Amino acid sequence: RTINNWTSSNISITETLSVTGDLTYGITGLSPNTNYYIYTNGSYQSNQTSTVTGELSSILISLTTAATNIEINTTQPPSLPVTDYTQAIFDWWD
């Protein structure tokens, strides 16, 4: 385990396991009542809201033997545009 960054709003850890498996993290010392977003290797996985005491618990990450970068921060993933294909489908059937 390598800790790359550790602040109350941005945690970055690189994990390398000798076998494939799941790790469950619990983190304290964060900003209270704040949305945190969990990323592995740059891909959004999930989000949790910290407790009033600044804790996140039960963050489950599936890992392989390759190095995995885990980031937990307050940066929301970009939202994808919502496109309504309903009209295009009905137009196609006409």
C-alpha atoms as a PDB file:
ATOM      1  CA  ARG A   1       0.000   0.000   0.000  1.00  0.00           C
ATOM      2  CA  THR A   2       1.259   3.412  -0.967  1.00  0.00           C
ATOM      3  CA  ILE A   3      -0.494   6.546   0.264  1.00  0.00           C
ATOM      4  CA  ASN A   4      -0.160   9.125  -2.517  1.00  0.00           C
ATOM      5  CA  ASN A   5      -2.268  11.878  -0.957  1.00  0.00           C
ATOM      6  CA  TRP A   6      -4.267  12.249   2.260  1.00  0.00           C
ATOM      7  CA  THR A   7      -6.344  15.318   3.065  1.00  0.00           C
ATOM      8  CA  SER A   8      -9.859  15.707   4.437  1.00  0.00           C
ATOM      9  CA  SER A   9     -11.207  16.033   0.876  1.00  0.00           C
ATOM     10  CA  ASN A  10      -8.874  13.905  -1.267  1.00  0.00           C
ATOM     11  CA  ILE A  11      -7.373  10.503  -0.533  1.00  0.00           C
ATOM     12  CA  SER A  12      -5.289   8.606  -3.074  1.00  0.00           C
ATOM     13  CA  ILE A  13      -3.922   5.123  -2.376  1.00  0.00           C
ATOM     14  CA  THR A  14      -2.205   2.603  -4.618  1.00  0.00           C
ATOM     15  CA  GLU A  15      -2.860  -0.992  -3.577  1.00  0.00           C
ATOM     16  CA  THR A  16      -0.972  -4.026  -4.842  1.00  0.00           C
ATOM     17  CA  LEU A  17      -2.092  -7.466  -3.688  1.00  0.00           C
ATOM     18  CA  SER A  18      -0.387 -10.825  -4.056  1.00  0.00           C
ATOM     19  CA  VAL A  19      -3.787 -12.455  -4.754  1.00  0.00           C
ATOM     20  CA  THR A  20      -7.063 -11.207  -6.207  1.00  0.00           C
ATOM     21  CA  GLY A  21      -9.593 -10.207  -3.570  1.00  0.00           C
ATOM     22  CA  ASP A  22     -11.884  -7.650  -2.014  1.00  0.00           C
ATOM     23  CA  LEU A  23     -10.817  -5.078   0.557  1.00  0.00           C
ATOM     24  CA  THR A  24     -13.164  -3.114   2.773  1.00  0.00           C
ATOM     25  CA  TYR A  25     -12.004   0.310   3.881  1.00  0.00           C
ATOM     26  CA  GLY A  26     -13.131   2.503   6.735  1.00  0.00           C
ATOM     27  CA  ILE A  27     -11.796   6.052   6.778  1.00  0.00           C
ATOM     28  CA  THR A  28     -11.971   8.710   9.481  1.00  0.00           C
ATOM     29  CA  GLY A  29     -10.871  12.338   9.693  1.00  0.00           C
ATOM     30  CA  LEU A  30     -12.887  13.493   6.701  1.00  0.00           C
ATOM     31  CA  SER A  31     -15.156  16.494   6.363  1.00  0.00           C
ATOM     32  CA  PRO A  32     -18.498  15.837   8.079  1.00  0.00           C
ATOM     33  CA  ASN A  33     -21.733  15.326   6.110  1.00  0.00           C
ATOM     34  CA  THR A  34     -19.926  15.511   2.760  1.00  0.00           C
ATOM     35  CA  ASN A  35     -20.465  13.518  -0.430  1.00  0.00           C
ATOM     36  CA  TYR A  36     -17.373  11.495  -1.330  1.00  0.00           C
ATOM     37  CA  TYR A  37     -16.896   9.777  -4.671  1.00  0.00           C
ATOM     38  CA  ILE A  38     -14.904   6.569  -4.978  1.00  0.00           C
ATOM     39  CA  TYR A  39     -12.815   5.855  -8.080  1.00  0.00           C
ATOM     40  CA  THR A  40     -10.598   2.919  -9.006  1.00  0.00           C
ATOM     41  CA  ASN A  41      -8.023   3.489 -11.735  1.00  0.00           C
ATOM     42  CA  GLY A  42      -9.875   6.664 -12.695  1.00  0.00           C
ATOM     43  CA  SER A  43     -13.287   5.023 -13.108  1.00  0.00           C
ATOM     44  CA  TYR A  44     -16.169   6.089 -10.892  1.00  0.00           C
ATOM     45  CA  GLN A  45     -17.377   3.252  -8.631  1.00  0.00           C
ATOM     46  CA  SER A  46     -19.773   4.683  -6.064  1.00  0.00           C
ATOM     47  CA  ASN A  47     -20.369   7.468  -3.611  1.00  0.00           C
ATOM     48  CA  GLN A  48     -21.031   7.773   0.107  1.00  0.00           C
ATOM     49  CA  THR A  49     -21.835  10.615   2.461  1.00  0.00           C
ATOM     50  CA  SER A  50     -19.575  10.944   5.478  1.00  0.00           C
ATOM     51  CA  THR A  51     -21.091  10.874   8.936  1.00  0.00           C
ATOM     52  CA  VAL A  52     -21.428  13.865  11.228  1.00  0.00           C
ATOM     53  CA  THR A  53     -18.034  12.830  12.665  1.00  0.00           C
ATOM     54  CA  GLY A  54     -16.363  12.627   9.215  1.00  0.00           C
ATOM     55  CA  GLU A  55     -16.319   8.854   8.749  1.00  0.00           C
ATOM     56  CA  LEU A  56     -16.856   6.602   5.753  1.00  0.00           C
ATOM     57  CA  SER A  57     -17.303   2.905   6.364  1.00  0.00           C
ATOM     58  CA  SER A  58     -17.718  -0.237   4.322  1.00  0.00           C
ATOM     59  CA  ILE A  59     -16.055   0.958   1.145  1.00  0.00           C
ATOM     60  CA  LEU A  60     -15.699  -2.326  -0.757  1.00  0.00           C
ATOM     61  CA  ILE A  61     -13.064  -2.422  -3.506  1.00  0.00           C
ATOM     62  CA  SER A  62     -12.361  -5.471  -5.675  1.00  0.00           C
ATOM     63  CA  LEU A  63      -8.668  -5.756  -6.480  1.00  0.00           C
ATOM     64  CA  THR A  64      -6.437  -7.853  -8.693  1.00  0.00           C
ATOM     65  CA  THR A  65      -2.711  -8.436  -8.419  1.00  0.00           C
ATOM     66  CA  ALA A  66      -2.084  -5.414 -10.668  1.00  0.00           C
ATOM     67  CA  ALA A  67      -1.504  -2.092  -8.927  1.00  0.00           C
ATOM     68  CA  THR A  68      -4.841  -0.344  -8.364  1.00  0.00           C
ATOM     69  CA  ASN A  69      -5.143   3.378  -7.759  1.00  0.00           C
ATOM     70  CA  ILE A  70      -8.006   4.197  -5.381  1.00  0.00           C
ATOM     71  CA  GLU A  71      -9.196   7.777  -5.057  1.00  0.00           C
ATOM     72  CA  ILE A  72     -11.792   9.010  -2.614  1.00  0.00           C
ATOM     73  CA  ASN A  73     -12.597  12.674  -3.053  1.00  0.00           C
ATOM     74  CA  THR A  74     -15.285  15.315  -3.249  1.00  0.00           C
ATOM     75  CA  THR A  75     -15.054  15.677  -7.040  1.00  0.00           C
ATOM     76  CA  GLN A  76     -18.297  14.519  -8.606  1.00  0.00           C
ATOM     77  CA  PRO A  77     -17.898  12.454 -11.778  1.00  0.00           C
ATOM     78  CA  PRO A  78     -18.936  14.217 -14.974  1.00  0.00           C
ATOM     79  CA  SER A  79     -22.570  13.670 -15.818  1.00  0.00           C
ATOM     80  CA  LEU A  80     -23.361  12.071 -19.130  1.00  0.00           C
ATOM     81  CA  PRO A  81     -25.775  13.877 -21.424  1.00  0.00           C
ATOM     82  CA  VAL A  82     -29.244  12.378 -21.460  1.00  0.00           C
ATOM     83  CA  THR A  83     -30.544  11.930 -24.964  1.00  0.00           C
ATOM     84  CA  ASP A  84     -34.155  11.101 -25.702  1.00  0.00           C
ATOM     85  CA  TYR A  85     -34.142   8.473 -28.406  1.00  0.00           C
ATOM     86  CA  THR A  86     -37.889   7.839 -28.117  1.00  0.00           C
ATOM     87  CA  GLN A  87     -38.847  10.213 -30.940  1.00  0.00           C
ATOM     88  CA  ALA A  88     -36.148   8.845 -33.239  1.00  0.00           C
ATOM     89  CA  ILE A  89     -37.423   5.301 -32.690  1.00  0.00           C
ATOM     90  CA  PHE A  90     -41.026   6.286 -33.452  1.00  0.00           C
ATOM     91  CA  ASP A  91     -39.909   8.230 -36.534  1.00  0.00           C
ATOM     92  CA  TRP A  92     -38.075   5.125 -37.755  1.00  0.00           C
ATOM     93  CA  TRP A  93     -41.260   3.032 -37.482  1.00  0.00           C
ATOM     94  CA  ASP A  94     -43.347   5.517 -39.524  1.00  0.00           C
END
